[in-house]
Amino acid sequence: MKIAGNKLIVECSAYDFKEELEKDPPESWMKSVSAFADGEGGALYYGVANDGTVIGLADPQDTADNISQLIKDHMDPVPVFTLSPETTDDGKVALEVKVAAGGQTPYYYVWKKKRIAFVRMGNESVAADSHQLFNLVLKGSNRSWDSLVSNELRSKHTFNMLEREYNLRSGAKWEENLLNSFGLVTDDGHLTNAGLLFVDQCPIKQSRVYCTRWEGLDKNDTINDDEFQGNLLYNLKMAKNFIKANTAVPWFKLPDYRLNLPEYSERAIEEMCVNHLIHRDYTELGAEVAVNIYDDRIETTSPGGIADSFNLVRLELLKVSSKRRNPIIAEVFAQLEYMEKRGSGLRKIVSETSILPTYKDNRQPYFDSSRSFFYTTIPNVNYGMDRAALESFANSKRPEPEYRPEDEIVLSKNRPDGKDTTQRNRPEVVKTAQTKVGKTAQSIIDILVSNPHCTRAELCFKLSKSDGTIKEHLARLQERGIIKRVGPDFGGYWKVLIRP
C-alpha cells in the first residue's frame, strides 16, 4: 500500500477498510479473510476510514498481535497472510493484512458451533452456498468436475462419434488408448465425467442446448425453437445447424462470381458454441446453454460466470482470465482442432467478425458475466442495411489496373494512314474479368467470405478435393484479383476483394 498525504492508495483489487479491530465476534472482518483465501486473495486495512482516510491505530502492535492470533484460532485451515504497517507524515499508523489466494480451499471461519466458508461478490464477502462450496472443495483437492470418476464402465458405452470426428479433423488415426490419454477413461475402466459427456448416449441430463429464433429484438414471439440433449459433439453440431438455418446469407451476382454477404462469421459462431460448451459449469443442474437469435444479434449464455458480482458486468477482453473450468473437455476439443490451447477463443470471436465484408466498429462482439452466467453477444453485421444497400455494396467494382504505356503491344504497322494498330496488353485480372468462375472456385469464395482464416487443408476437407486442386484454384482466384492473401501463410487470412 501507499499513503499520499493522509489518504491510502490501495494497490490490490479486493480490499476492506476497518477503522479498528473487532474481536468479539470477529466475523465482520474474518469473513473477508475467508473470502480472500477462497478467491484471488485480497487485503484488509486497519486504522482507515471508509473513504480511505488514514485515522491511525492507538496501538498498532497490539492490533497486529490480536489479528494474527484470531486468524490462527478461527480459520481452518489457516491461510497465508502478512501484516505490514504504514505511517503517515503526521505519525498515524495503518496496518495492512494481506491474505494470499489459498490452495487448500475451502477456508472456513469457525466460531463456537458455526463453520462457514465465504466467497467474494463485488465488494462484499458472502457465505458460500452448497454449489459454491462443492466447487471450492474441488479446487482445494486440485481437481475439476470433469476429472471426477463416475460409476459407469467403459465397456457399456461407445465413442463412435468422437472416433469419427477425431479421424476427420486431426488427420491421425483413432486408437483406444486415446481415451486414457485424454482423461476420459481411468486405468480400471471407469468413465470420468468428461468421458460421460463424449459417449454416444450421453447420460448427463444437463448436457443440453436450448436454441430460439425470436421475432424482432426482444424475447416476445418465437419464430423457431429447438432443444438438443446429447454428447458435446452432437450439441455443438446441432447448435451450429440451428444458427445456420435461422440466419441469412444474402447473395448477389457479380460479372464473374456470386458474392455472399453473411450476417455472421462461421468461425466466430463455432468459437462461441465451443466456448460455452467447454467452460460452462456442469455442477449447476438447473440451467443449460441457451442460444437466442434476434434480428440484430445472437446471444449465448451458459451457467458459470467469471465476474464476482451479482450484477451483469461488461468484461474487458484483454483482462478475461484464460483459466479452464473443465480442462479435460478443453483438451479433447483442442485435439479435435476446435480450439487453441492458449485460450484465445474470445479474441478470435472478435477478430473473425471484424473481417467480414460489411463489418463496422459498432458491430463488435462483446462479453458479459454475472455471478452465475457468462454471456456472449455477436451482432449481425448486416443489421440496418436493406437489400438495396447490400446490393450496392456487393456491386462495388474492384479497381482497374493502372494504365502503363509499356503494356501496349503493336499489332500491325505501315497502315495507309501511317498509324500503328495497338492493343493494351492487359493483365490477367482484366482479361478474365467477365469469365465466370467454376463451381469449385465459387465454393471456395463462399467459404472464404464467412471464414477468411480457413486453411487449405480445411478447404480440401470441406470440398472433398485434393490439395493440388485447391492450391490451383486459389492461385487462379488470386491472379484474377478476386481474392488476396493478407499476412503470412501461417497466421494470415484470405480477403475477397469486393471494394476499391
Protein backbone atom coordinates (compact mmCIF):
# COMPACT_ATOMS: atom_id res chain seq x y z
CA MET A 1 0.00 0.00 0.00
CA LYS A 2 0.98 3.66 -0.36
CA ILE A 3 -0.05 6.75 1.55
CA ALA A 4 -0.31 10.12 -0.17
CA GLY A 5 -0.86 12.85 2.43
CA ASN A 6 -3.24 11.07 4.76
CA LYS A 7 -5.04 9.07 2.05
CA LEU A 8 -4.45 5.38 1.47
CA ILE A 9 -3.79 4.31 -2.13
CA VAL A 10 -4.77 0.66 -2.44
CA GLU A 11 -2.92 -1.47 -4.99
CA CYS A 12 -4.97 -4.69 -4.73
CA SER A 13 -8.25 -5.48 -6.47
CA ALA A 14 -10.08 -6.73 -3.34
CA TYR A 15 -9.89 -4.89 -0.06
CA ASP A 16 -11.81 -3.80 3.04
CA PHE A 17 -11.23 -0.74 5.24
CA LYS A 18 -11.59 -1.06 9.02
CA GLU A 19 -11.25 1.81 11.49
CA GLU A 20 -10.44 -0.59 14.34
CA LEU A 21 -10.27 -4.28 15.19
CA GLU A 22 -13.46 -6.09 16.21
CA LYS A 23 -12.71 -9.10 18.40
CA ASP A 24 -15.98 -10.46 19.85
CA PRO A 25 -17.12 -11.81 17.47
CA PRO A 26 -14.58 -11.16 14.70
CA GLU A 27 -16.91 -12.28 11.88
CA SER A 28 -17.27 -8.77 10.42
CA TRP A 29 -13.70 -8.96 9.10
CA MET A 30 -12.87 -12.67 9.39
CA LYS A 31 -15.37 -13.44 6.62
CA SER A 32 -13.23 -11.30 4.31
CA VAL A 33 -10.15 -13.31 5.28
CA SER A 34 -12.05 -16.47 4.32
CA ALA A 35 -13.34 -14.97 1.06
CA PHE A 36 -9.90 -13.66 0.03
CA ALA A 37 -8.27 -17.04 0.71
CA ASP A 38 -11.05 -18.88 -1.17
CA GLY A 39 -10.73 -16.50 -4.12
CA GLU A 40 -7.92 -14.47 -5.68
CA GLY A 41 -6.55 -13.00 -2.46
CA GLY A 42 -7.04 -9.51 -1.03
CA ALA A 43 -6.23 -7.24 1.88
CA LEU A 44 -7.77 -5.59 4.92
CA TYR A 45 -6.61 -2.17 6.14
CA TYR A 46 -6.93 -1.22 9.80
CA GLY A 47 -6.86 2.35 11.02
CA VAL A 48 -8.51 3.52 7.78
CA ALA A 49 -11.94 5.14 7.32
CA ASN A 50 -14.35 4.04 4.58
CA ASP A 51 -13.26 6.90 2.33
CA GLY A 52 -9.60 5.82 2.54
CA THR A 53 -8.55 8.44 5.08
CA VAL A 54 -5.90 7.13 7.49
CA ILE A 55 -7.09 7.82 11.05
CA GLY A 56 -4.47 5.56 12.65
CA LEU A 57 -4.43 2.86 15.32
CA ALA A 58 -3.98 3.54 19.03
CA ASP A 59 -1.71 0.51 19.46
CA PRO A 60 -0.60 -0.96 16.11
CA GLN A 61 1.49 -3.72 17.66
CA ASP A 62 -1.34 -4.96 19.89
CA THR A 63 -3.73 -4.86 16.91
CA ALA A 64 -1.30 -6.88 14.80
CA ASP A 65 -0.82 -9.46 17.56
CA ASN A 66 -4.58 -9.86 18.03
CA ILE A 67 -5.26 -10.18 14.28
CA SER A 68 -2.60 -12.84 13.93
CA GLN A 69 -3.92 -14.83 16.89
CA LEU A 70 -7.57 -14.57 15.88
CA ILE A 71 -6.84 -15.79 12.34
CA LYS A 72 -4.91 -18.76 13.75
CA ASP A 73 -7.67 -19.55 16.26
CA HIS A 74 -10.71 -19.15 13.98
CA MET A 75 -9.66 -20.09 10.45
CA ASP A 76 -9.47 -23.70 9.25
CA PRO A 77 -7.14 -24.18 7.51
CA VAL A 78 -5.05 -21.12 8.35
CA PRO A 79 -4.39 -19.11 5.17
CA VAL A 80 -1.10 -17.46 4.28
CA PHE A 81 -1.15 -13.82 5.38
CA THR A 82 1.25 -10.96 6.08
CA LEU A 83 0.97 -7.87 8.28
CA SER A 84 2.64 -4.61 7.26
CA PRO A 85 2.44 -1.20 8.97
CA GLU A 86 2.50 2.12 7.10
CA THR A 87 2.99 5.53 8.71
CA THR A 88 1.69 8.91 7.53
CA ASP A 89 3.72 12.11 7.64
CA ASP A 90 1.98 13.13 10.86
CA GLY A 91 2.73 9.81 12.58
CA LYS A 92 -0.56 7.91 12.14
CA VAL A 93 -0.10 4.17 11.60
CA ALA A 94 -2.28 1.97 9.36
CA LEU A 95 -1.95 -1.79 9.24
CA GLU A 96 -2.24 -3.91 6.10
CA VAL A 97 -3.33 -7.55 6.44
CA LYS A 98 -2.66 -9.15 3.05
CA VAL A 99 -4.29 -12.56 2.53
CA ALA A 100 -2.94 -14.79 -0.24
CA ALA A 101 -5.12 -16.87 -2.56
CA GLY A 102 -5.22 -20.30 -0.96
CA GLY A 103 -4.57 -23.73 -2.38
CA GLN A 104 -6.49 -25.67 0.31
CA THR A 105 -9.99 -24.32 -0.22
CA PRO A 106 -12.48 -24.02 1.34
CA TYR A 107 -11.17 -21.82 4.16
CA TYR A 108 -13.71 -21.90 6.98
CA TYR A 109 -14.40 -19.28 9.59
CA VAL A 110 -15.01 -21.20 12.84
CA TRP A 111 -16.82 -19.58 15.76
CA LYS A 112 -18.46 -21.62 18.50
CA LYS A 113 -20.70 -24.04 16.58
CA LYS A 114 -20.52 -22.17 13.28
CA ARG A 115 -18.28 -23.28 10.40
CA ILE A 116 -18.74 -21.12 7.32
CA ALA A 117 -16.79 -20.58 4.10
CA PHE A 118 -17.15 -17.21 2.39
CA VAL A 119 -16.72 -16.02 -1.20
CA ARG A 120 -16.20 -12.55 -2.61
CA MET A 121 -19.01 -10.90 -4.54
CA GLY A 122 -18.03 -7.46 -5.73
CA ASN A 123 -17.03 -5.55 -2.60
CA GLU A 124 -18.85 -7.93 -0.25
CA SER A 125 -17.98 -11.23 1.38
CA VAL A 126 -20.96 -13.61 1.46
CA ALA A 127 -21.45 -17.14 2.75
CA ALA A 128 -20.82 -19.76 0.07
CA ASP A 129 -23.89 -21.72 -0.99
CA SER A 130 -23.79 -25.51 -1.46
CA HIS A 131 -22.90 -25.22 -5.13
CA GLN A 132 -20.01 -22.81 -4.47
CA LEU A 133 -18.84 -24.95 -1.56
CA PHE A 134 -18.69 -28.01 -3.79
CA ASN A 135 -16.51 -26.15 -6.27
CA LEU A 136 -14.26 -24.90 -3.50
CA VAL A 137 -13.78 -28.49 -2.34
CA LEU A 138 -12.83 -29.48 -5.91
CA LYS A 139 -10.41 -26.55 -6.12
CA GLY A 140 -8.82 -27.47 -2.80
CA SER A 141 -8.30 -31.06 -3.91
CA ASN A 142 -6.73 -29.77 -7.14
CA ARG A 143 -9.43 -31.47 -9.18
CA SER A 144 -12.04 -30.32 -11.64
CA TRP A 145 -15.58 -31.63 -12.06
CA ASP A 146 -14.80 -33.19 -15.43
CA SER A 147 -11.97 -35.24 -13.88
CA LEU A 148 -14.17 -36.92 -11.26
CA VAL A 149 -14.62 -40.66 -11.75
CA SER A 150 -18.13 -41.98 -12.33
CA ASN A 151 -19.56 -45.45 -11.65
CA GLU A 152 -20.09 -46.04 -15.38
CA LEU A 153 -17.87 -48.63 -17.10
CA ARG A 154 -16.18 -48.06 -20.44
CA SER A 155 -17.37 -51.48 -21.63
CA LYS A 156 -21.01 -50.33 -21.55
CA HIS A 157 -20.55 -47.26 -23.73
CA THR A 158 -19.39 -46.38 -27.25
CA PHE A 159 -17.41 -43.40 -28.58
CA ASN A 160 -18.27 -43.74 -32.27
CA MET A 161 -18.99 -40.03 -32.78
CA LEU A 162 -15.74 -38.99 -31.07
CA GLU A 163 -13.75 -41.54 -33.07
CA ARG A 164 -15.26 -40.37 -36.36
CA GLU A 165 -14.65 -36.72 -35.54
CA TYR A 166 -11.06 -37.39 -34.50
CA ASN A 167 -10.28 -39.26 -37.73
CA LEU A 168 -11.77 -36.46 -39.84
CA ARG A 169 -10.34 -33.42 -38.06
CA SER A 170 -6.97 -34.45 -36.61
CA GLY A 171 -5.52 -36.22 -39.62
CA ALA A 172 -4.45 -39.07 -37.32
CA LYS A 173 -5.98 -42.48 -36.75
CA TRP A 174 -8.09 -43.15 -33.69
CA GLU A 175 -6.71 -45.56 -31.11
CA GLU A 176 -8.42 -46.91 -28.00
CA ASN A 177 -5.65 -45.74 -25.67
CA LEU A 178 -6.50 -42.14 -26.52
CA LEU A 179 -9.45 -42.40 -24.14
CA ASN A 180 -7.00 -42.87 -21.28
CA SER A 181 -4.62 -40.22 -22.60
CA PHE A 182 -7.41 -37.66 -22.83
CA GLY A 183 -8.64 -38.46 -19.31
CA LEU A 184 -11.99 -39.84 -20.43
CA VAL A 185 -11.40 -43.34 -19.06
CA THR A 186 -9.44 -44.43 -15.96
CA ASP A 187 -6.94 -47.29 -15.85
CA ASP A 188 -9.52 -49.55 -14.20
CA GLY A 189 -12.06 -48.95 -16.99
CA HIS A 190 -14.35 -46.36 -15.41
CA LEU A 191 -15.54 -43.24 -17.21
CA THR A 192 -14.78 -39.80 -15.84
CA ASN A 193 -17.45 -37.11 -16.01
CA ALA A 194 -15.72 -35.80 -19.11
CA GLY A 195 -15.95 -39.28 -20.60
CA LEU A 196 -19.69 -39.33 -19.97
CA LEU A 197 -20.02 -36.08 -21.94
CA PHE A 198 -18.42 -37.67 -25.03
CA VAL A 199 -20.07 -41.10 -25.12
CA ASP A 200 -22.64 -41.64 -27.89
CA GLN A 201 -25.55 -41.94 -25.47
CA CYS A 202 -24.66 -39.19 -23.01
CA PRO A 203 -26.41 -39.81 -19.66
CA ILE A 204 -25.72 -36.36 -18.17
CA LYS A 205 -29.04 -34.58 -18.34
CA GLN A 206 -27.67 -31.05 -18.00
CA SER A 207 -25.75 -31.53 -21.26
CA ARG A 208 -28.36 -29.60 -23.22
CA VAL A 209 -28.61 -26.64 -25.56
CA TYR A 210 -31.78 -24.55 -25.96
CA CYS A 211 -31.99 -22.64 -29.25
CA THR A 212 -34.58 -19.98 -30.06
CA ARG A 213 -35.10 -17.65 -33.02
CA TRP A 214 -37.01 -14.63 -31.74
CA GLU A 215 -39.02 -12.18 -33.80
CA GLY A 216 -37.56 -8.69 -33.56
CA LEU A 217 -35.08 -7.51 -30.96
CA ASP A 218 -36.56 -8.92 -27.75
CA LYS A 219 -37.97 -12.11 -26.28
CA ASN A 220 -41.53 -11.67 -27.47
CA ASP A 221 -42.80 -14.06 -30.17
CA THR A 222 -40.75 -17.03 -31.28
CA ILE A 223 -40.19 -17.91 -34.93
CA ASN A 224 -38.46 -21.21 -34.27
CA ASP A 225 -37.05 -23.11 -31.31
CA ASP A 226 -35.50 -26.46 -30.50
CA GLU A 227 -33.82 -28.31 -27.66
CA PHE A 228 -30.87 -30.67 -28.05
CA GLN A 229 -29.71 -33.16 -25.43
CA GLY A 230 -26.71 -35.38 -26.01
CA ASN A 231 -22.95 -35.55 -26.02
CA LEU A 232 -20.91 -32.41 -26.55
CA LEU A 233 -20.12 -33.08 -30.22
CA TYR A 234 -23.79 -33.65 -31.00
CA ASN A 235 -24.80 -30.47 -29.14
CA LEU A 236 -22.15 -28.46 -31.00
CA LYS A 237 -23.28 -29.76 -34.38
CA MET A 238 -26.96 -29.15 -33.72
CA ALA A 239 -26.42 -25.66 -32.28
CA LYS A 240 -24.39 -24.64 -35.35
CA ASN A 241 -27.02 -26.13 -37.67
CA PHE A 242 -29.81 -24.26 -35.89
CA ILE A 243 -27.92 -20.95 -36.15
CA LYS A 244 -27.17 -21.55 -39.83
CA ALA A 245 -30.82 -22.37 -40.57
CA ASN A 246 -32.08 -19.28 -38.74
CA THR A 247 -29.71 -16.63 -40.03
CA ALA A 248 -29.49 -15.19 -43.54
CA VAL A 249 -26.70 -15.11 -46.10
CA PRO A 250 -27.75 -12.59 -48.81
CA TRP A 251 -26.01 -13.15 -52.14
CA PHE A 252 -25.62 -11.16 -55.31
CA LYS A 253 -24.49 -11.96 -58.84
CA LEU A 254 -21.38 -10.13 -59.97
CA PRO A 255 -19.95 -10.32 -63.51
CA ASP A 256 -17.55 -13.15 -62.70
CA TYR A 257 -18.77 -14.73 -59.46
CA ARG A 258 -21.51 -14.79 -56.84
CA LEU A 259 -20.83 -12.84 -53.66
CA ASN A 260 -22.22 -13.89 -50.27
CA LEU A 261 -22.58 -11.26 -47.55
CA PRO A 262 -23.11 -13.33 -44.37
CA GLU A 263 -24.58 -11.84 -41.23
CA TYR A 264 -22.17 -13.77 -39.02
CA SER A 265 -18.72 -15.31 -39.29
CA GLU A 266 -18.89 -19.10 -39.47
CA ARG A 267 -15.77 -19.47 -37.35
CA ALA A 268 -16.91 -16.90 -34.79
CA ILE A 269 -20.15 -18.84 -34.34
CA GLU A 270 -18.22 -22.08 -33.90
CA GLU A 271 -15.87 -20.46 -31.38
CA MET A 272 -18.84 -19.12 -29.44
CA CYS A 273 -20.57 -22.50 -29.25
CA VAL A 274 -17.36 -24.35 -28.36
CA ASN A 275 -16.50 -21.80 -25.67
CA HIS A 276 -19.86 -22.14 -23.92
CA LEU A 277 -19.87 -25.95 -24.07
CA ILE A 278 -16.32 -26.19 -22.71
CA HIS A 279 -16.42 -23.59 -19.97
CA ARG A 280 -19.96 -23.96 -18.62
CA ASP A 281 -20.39 -25.04 -15.01
CA TYR A 282 -21.70 -28.60 -15.20
CA THR A 283 -22.26 -28.71 -11.44
CA GLU A 284 -25.16 -26.29 -11.96
CA LEU A 285 -28.10 -28.60 -12.59
CA GLY A 286 -30.93 -26.16 -13.19
CA ALA A 287 -29.51 -24.29 -16.19
CA GLU A 288 -28.23 -25.12 -19.65
CA VAL A 289 -26.53 -23.42 -22.59
CA ALA A 290 -29.03 -21.16 -24.37
CA VAL A 291 -28.68 -19.69 -27.87
CA ASN A 292 -31.02 -16.77 -28.60
CA ILE A 293 -31.13 -15.33 -32.12
CA TYR A 294 -32.62 -11.87 -32.64
CA ASP A 295 -32.81 -9.69 -35.75
CA ASP A 296 -29.71 -7.73 -34.75
CA ARG A 297 -27.63 -10.22 -32.72
CA ILE A 298 -27.03 -13.69 -31.32
CA GLU A 299 -26.79 -14.04 -27.55
CA THR A 300 -25.45 -17.23 -25.99
CA THR A 301 -25.48 -17.85 -22.24
CA SER A 302 -24.15 -20.62 -20.07
CA PRO A 303 -24.02 -21.26 -16.32
CA GLY A 304 -20.72 -20.37 -14.70
CA GLY A 305 -19.89 -16.68 -14.51
CA ILE A 306 -16.36 -15.35 -14.11
CA ALA A 307 -17.20 -12.00 -12.51
CA ASP A 308 -17.52 -11.80 -8.71
CA SER A 309 -20.71 -9.79 -8.87
CA PHE A 310 -24.44 -10.33 -8.52
CA ASN A 311 -24.98 -7.88 -11.38
CA LEU A 312 -24.13 -8.19 -15.05
CA VAL A 313 -20.63 -6.83 -15.75
CA ARG A 314 -19.18 -5.96 -19.18
CA LEU A 315 -15.82 -7.71 -19.50
CA GLU A 316 -12.64 -6.14 -20.84
CA LEU A 317 -11.36 -8.61 -23.39
CA LEU A 318 -7.68 -8.28 -22.50
CA LYS A 319 -8.40 -8.86 -18.81
CA VAL A 320 -10.53 -12.00 -19.14
CA SER A 321 -8.86 -14.92 -17.40
CA SER A 322 -7.96 -17.92 -19.56
CA LYS A 323 -8.48 -20.40 -16.71
CA ARG A 324 -10.25 -23.57 -17.75
CA ARG A 325 -13.12 -24.76 -15.61
CA ASN A 326 -13.11 -28.14 -17.41
CA PRO A 327 -9.52 -28.82 -18.55
CA ILE A 328 -10.17 -32.37 -19.83
CA ILE A 329 -13.07 -31.26 -22.01
CA ALA A 330 -10.95 -28.37 -23.28
CA GLU A 331 -8.08 -30.73 -24.11
CA VAL A 332 -10.33 -33.01 -26.19
CA PHE A 333 -11.69 -30.06 -28.18
CA ALA A 334 -8.11 -28.86 -28.69
CA GLN A 335 -7.11 -32.28 -30.01
CA LEU A 336 -10.05 -32.09 -32.41
CA GLU A 337 -8.71 -28.67 -33.51
CA TYR A 338 -11.88 -26.86 -32.48
CA MET A 339 -9.88 -24.52 -30.27
CA GLU A 340 -6.36 -23.42 -29.45
CA LYS A 341 -4.76 -24.40 -26.18
CA ARG A 342 -3.69 -20.90 -25.19
CA GLY A 343 -7.24 -19.73 -24.57
CA SER A 344 -7.75 -17.20 -27.36
CA GLY A 345 -11.36 -18.07 -28.14
CA LEU A 346 -12.93 -14.73 -27.17
CA ARG A 347 -10.38 -12.74 -29.14
CA LYS A 348 -10.97 -14.98 -32.14
CA ILE A 349 -14.73 -14.31 -31.99
CA VAL A 350 -13.95 -10.60 -32.24
CA SER A 351 -11.24 -10.88 -34.90
CA GLU A 352 -13.20 -13.25 -37.15
CA THR A 353 -16.24 -10.98 -37.04
CA SER A 354 -14.15 -7.89 -37.78
CA ILE A 355 -13.01 -9.18 -41.19
CA LEU A 356 -16.50 -9.82 -42.56
CA PRO A 357 -17.20 -7.66 -45.66
CA THR A 358 -19.89 -5.46 -44.09
CA TYR A 359 -18.38 -5.18 -40.61
CA LYS A 360 -18.33 -1.81 -38.85
CA ASP A 361 -16.80 -0.94 -35.49
CA ASN A 362 -20.18 -0.59 -33.79
CA ARG A 363 -20.89 -4.29 -34.54
CA GLN A 364 -18.05 -5.71 -32.45
CA PRO A 365 -18.89 -8.78 -30.31
CA TYR A 366 -18.86 -8.31 -26.54
CA PHE A 367 -18.94 -10.42 -23.38
CA ASP A 368 -20.74 -10.06 -20.06
CA SER A 369 -20.68 -12.03 -16.85
CA SER A 370 -22.57 -12.20 -13.58
CA ARG A 371 -22.12 -14.36 -10.53
CA SER A 372 -23.86 -17.28 -12.21
CA PHE A 373 -23.81 -16.81 -16.01
CA PHE A 374 -21.49 -15.96 -18.86
CA TYR A 375 -22.85 -14.14 -21.93
CA THR A 376 -21.52 -13.81 -25.49
CA THR A 377 -23.17 -11.38 -27.90
CA ILE A 378 -22.29 -11.35 -31.59
CA PRO A 379 -24.02 -8.55 -33.55
CA ASN A 380 -25.46 -9.07 -37.03
CA VAL A 381 -23.04 -7.10 -39.25
CA ASN A 382 -25.75 -6.60 -41.91
CA TYR A 383 -28.33 -5.20 -39.50
CA GLY A 384 -29.63 -1.83 -40.64
CA MET A 385 -28.74 -2.46 -44.30
CA ASP A 386 -31.69 -3.24 -46.57
CA ARG A 387 -31.26 -5.34 -49.70
CA ALA A 388 -30.67 -2.29 -51.87
CA ALA A 389 -27.80 -1.17 -49.63
CA LEU A 390 -26.32 -4.67 -49.63
CA GLU A 391 -26.64 -4.92 -53.39
CA SER A 392 -24.92 -1.57 -53.84
CA PHE A 393 -22.14 -2.76 -51.57
CA ALA A 394 -21.82 -6.05 -53.46
CA ASN A 395 -21.57 -4.30 -56.83
CA SER A 396 -18.66 -2.11 -55.77
CA LYS A 397 -16.08 -2.57 -58.52
CA ARG A 398 -12.60 -3.85 -57.96
CA PRO A 399 -10.04 -1.30 -59.17
CA GLU A 400 -8.81 -1.49 -62.75
CA PRO A 401 -5.03 -1.87 -63.13
CA GLU A 402 -3.25 1.42 -63.71
CA TYR A 403 -2.53 2.17 -67.39
CA ARG A 404 1.13 1.91 -68.40
CA PRO A 405 2.38 2.61 -71.98
CA GLU A 406 4.79 -0.31 -71.78
CA ASP A 407 1.79 -2.65 -71.53
CA GLU A 408 0.78 -1.83 -75.12
CA ILE A 409 1.89 -4.05 -77.98
CA VAL A 410 1.90 -3.29 -81.72
CA LEU A 411 -0.48 -5.47 -83.71
CA SER A 412 0.29 -4.08 -87.22
CA LYS A 413 2.46 -1.44 -88.87
CA ASN A 414 2.60 0.54 -92.13
CA ARG A 415 -1.13 1.25 -92.34
CA PRO A 416 -2.20 3.54 -95.26
CA ASP A 417 -2.95 6.32 -92.79
CA GLY A 418 0.56 5.96 -91.34
CA LYS A 419 -0.70 4.89 -87.85
CA ASP A 420 0.10 1.70 -86.00
CA THR A 421 -2.65 -0.50 -84.57
CA THR A 422 -2.07 -1.16 -80.84
CA GLN A 423 -3.85 -3.07 -78.08
CA ARG A 424 -3.29 -2.79 -74.39
CA ASN A 425 -1.64 -5.89 -73.01
CA ARG A 426 -3.98 -6.07 -70.03
CA PRO A 427 -3.13 -8.16 -67.01
CA GLU A 428 -4.98 -11.39 -66.33
CA VAL A 429 -7.30 -9.71 -63.83
CA VAL A 430 -8.82 -7.64 -66.68
CA LYS A 431 -8.67 -10.27 -69.42
CA THR A 432 -10.73 -12.70 -67.42
CA ALA A 433 -12.96 -10.25 -65.57
CA GLN A 434 -16.09 -11.27 -67.42
CA THR A 435 -15.41 -15.03 -67.32
CA LYS A 436 -17.48 -16.70 -64.64
CA VAL A 437 -15.67 -18.86 -62.14
CA GLY A 438 -16.39 -22.57 -61.91
CA LYS A 439 -18.35 -24.43 -59.25
CA THR A 440 -15.33 -25.31 -57.09
CA ALA A 441 -13.91 -21.78 -57.27
CA GLN A 442 -17.32 -20.34 -56.31
CA SER A 443 -17.49 -22.71 -53.32
CA ILE A 444 -14.05 -21.52 -52.23
CA ILE A 445 -15.19 -17.89 -52.44
CA ASP A 446 -18.32 -18.68 -50.39
CA ILE A 447 -16.24 -20.32 -47.66
CA LEU A 448 -13.58 -17.61 -47.53
CA VAL A 449 -16.13 -14.81 -47.19
CA SER A 450 -17.55 -16.25 -43.95
CA ASN A 451 -14.34 -17.93 -42.79
CA PRO A 452 -11.31 -15.93 -44.01
CA HIS A 453 -8.89 -17.92 -41.82
CA CYS A 454 -9.91 -21.19 -43.46
CA THR A 455 -6.77 -23.19 -44.28
CA ARG A 456 -6.03 -25.09 -47.46
CA ALA A 457 -6.41 -28.34 -45.54
CA GLU A 458 -9.85 -27.27 -44.31
CA LEU A 459 -10.89 -26.35 -47.85
CA CYS A 460 -9.80 -29.81 -49.01
CA PHE A 461 -11.90 -31.38 -46.26
CA LYS A 462 -14.98 -29.20 -46.82
CA LEU A 463 -14.99 -29.61 -50.62
CA SER A 464 -13.60 -33.19 -50.83
CA LYS A 465 -10.85 -32.02 -53.17
CA SER A 466 -7.13 -32.76 -53.31
CA ASP A 467 -4.57 -30.29 -52.04
CA GLY A 468 -3.29 -29.76 -55.58
CA THR A 469 -6.74 -28.87 -56.87
CA ILE A 470 -7.39 -26.37 -54.08
CA LYS A 471 -3.94 -24.85 -54.47
CA GLU A 472 -4.52 -24.34 -58.21
CA HIS A 473 -7.93 -22.71 -57.69
CA LEU A 474 -6.55 -20.37 -55.02
CA ALA A 475 -3.75 -19.31 -57.37
CA ARG A 476 -6.18 -18.61 -60.22
CA LEU A 477 -8.51 -16.61 -57.98
CA GLN A 478 -5.54 -14.53 -56.85
CA GLU A 479 -4.43 -13.97 -60.45
CA ARG A 480 -7.91 -12.72 -61.32
CA GLY A 481 -7.89 -10.29 -58.41
CA ILE A 482 -10.88 -11.94 -56.71
CA ILE A 483 -9.01 -12.92 -53.55
CA LYS A 484 -5.72 -12.00 -51.95
CA ARG A 485 -3.67 -13.25 -49.04
CA VAL A 486 -3.36 -10.86 -46.10
CA GLY A 487 -0.42 -11.58 -43.86
CA PRO A 488 1.85 -14.66 -43.81
CA ASP A 489 0.97 -18.21 -44.88
CA PHE A 490 0.71 -19.14 -41.22
CA GLY A 491 -1.32 -16.65 -39.23
CA GLY A 492 -2.71 -14.64 -42.15
CA TYR A 493 -6.13 -14.82 -43.81
CA TRP A 494 -7.88 -14.62 -47.17
CA LYS A 495 -9.69 -11.50 -48.30
CA VAL A 496 -12.32 -11.49 -51.03
CA LEU A 497 -11.76 -8.26 -52.99
CA ILE A 498 -15.08 -6.55 -53.39
CA ARG A 499 -14.28 -2.87 -52.82
CA PRO A 500 -11.83 -0.44 -54.36
